[in-house]
Amino acid sequence: MDRIDLIRQEINQVLDAIPSPEVSRVASLHIYGVSQLCTLLASRRGLPVELAVIAGLLHDIYRYTAMTGKEHAHKGAGMAKKIMEDLGCFTPEEIEAVAGAIYYHSDKETRHLPLDEVLKDADVLQRVLYDPSYIMSGKEKRRMQRINEELGLRL
């Protein structure tokens, strides 16, 4: 089994444990949508696609495990790190790259490492693609403008 499938198994356990079918459905759409957009953006930007996909899959693990958004990026980075370490098939550098992307993904204003930016952009783009009437914050609007320019979109 490849590493992405191992992470999918982990995230599916979290999604299956969500008591509300509606919340579980929305969580699944968001997590898998962000992961797919990470594939697109990482490929376009010449970054490691596999790590981007894994970051997308794990980015909201704390939010959907604890069912709260409070500090979910920072706490989720620790959870992702532990999952990847326990699986035993990731290098320390890969674990740090994914955990770092998750840690910073809620900070849409500040620019970080390229993989971090892929995750932030995928997170915003998924919300807009899921609901084009989604009301973005100012920092999300600025990020979306850059995504539109890069991809030639008009969202």
Foldseek 3Di string as FASTA:
>chain_A
DDPLVLLVVVLVVLLVPQPDPVVSVVVVLLLQQLLVLLQVVCVVVVHDNVLLSSLSNQLQSQCSNVVHPVQRLLVSLVVQLVSVVVVPPDDPVSSCLSSVLSNCLVVLQDDDDPSVLSSNLSNLVSVCVVPVVDDDDPSSVVSVVVVCVVVVHDD
